[in-house]
Amino acid sequence: MTSIQPNPTAGSVPATIVTHQDPASNPSGSLPLVEPRLTQTGLPHPPETRGSPGRGADWLVSPYSGRVDTSTVSSREQGEQVDRQSRILEAALELLSRHGISGVNMRAVAREAGVALGLVNYYFEEKSSLIRAVLHSVDEHDLALVAPDPALPPDEQLQNALRRVAGPELLTTRYLSLRLHLWALARAHEDFALINAAAFDRYLDGLAALIGNAKPELTSKECKERAADIVVVQNGMWLTALLGVDKESIRRSIARTEEIAFAA
């Protein structure tokens, strides 16, 4: 969300037969970086995980399900695969929040998640594909912040969305540090910048839609402009919170976003 010019959703995996090496046959983890594909007869079994789950940013991760074919695997197998992928993404997010992009590599992620290196290579072809998946999970999280709730009136939906970004689970050093690293990442890598920018546009569109529903007299352009102004305040609030949470300052920032959104 409130990323600075901050994903496209992961595309579907083609159901074609592609030869690959089963990671379980190579416990050393030195696997060829060949991306496994779904087959018409089912999904190849990944290696088993080992150890205990790493300290994951489970407040953020949405399962990256690009490898799960619900038509060919049992519910239990599907759940296990989603859990493995979630653990890997949680570990990547944790490392990214602590050390930035330099601290994220396949071996470190495997160690943090408590899984075999071969399992990480099974789900993610290389470091860049893992980072893309991380950006996608952040995108999904941000979209949830501005998701409409048909059970509530439009003005209450908008107000809840504006206050949601200041939730206690977001105003933590870990989360705010992650945001800073993601912004820096977008500046340093063109591909990641494109993903970040697309995610930013989707968040902006979601917020503008909430504004339009609450203020139907506004034009689409006016709603988008208000949404953009609100994002500036939200980003500033997060940066300020990283230096030290001042509850009154946070309250004033939220009030300012409400003023922008509901102005006559």
Foldseek 3Di string as FASTA:
>chain_A
DLADLFAPQDDAFDADDDDADALQVPQVLPGQLDAHGHHPQGADDHHDFADAFAQFPLVQFDFNQNRDDPVHDDPVSSVVLSVLRRSLLRLQLQQCLVPFPVRDFLVSSSVRGRGGSSRSSHHASGRVSSVNNNLNSNLVRLLVLLDADVVDQLLVSLLSSLCVLVDPSCLDSSNLSSSVSLNVVLVPDVVNVVRISVSVVSSLQSNLVSLCRVPVVDDSVLSSVLSVVLSVLSNVQSVVSNVPDDPVSNVVSSVVSSCSSPPD
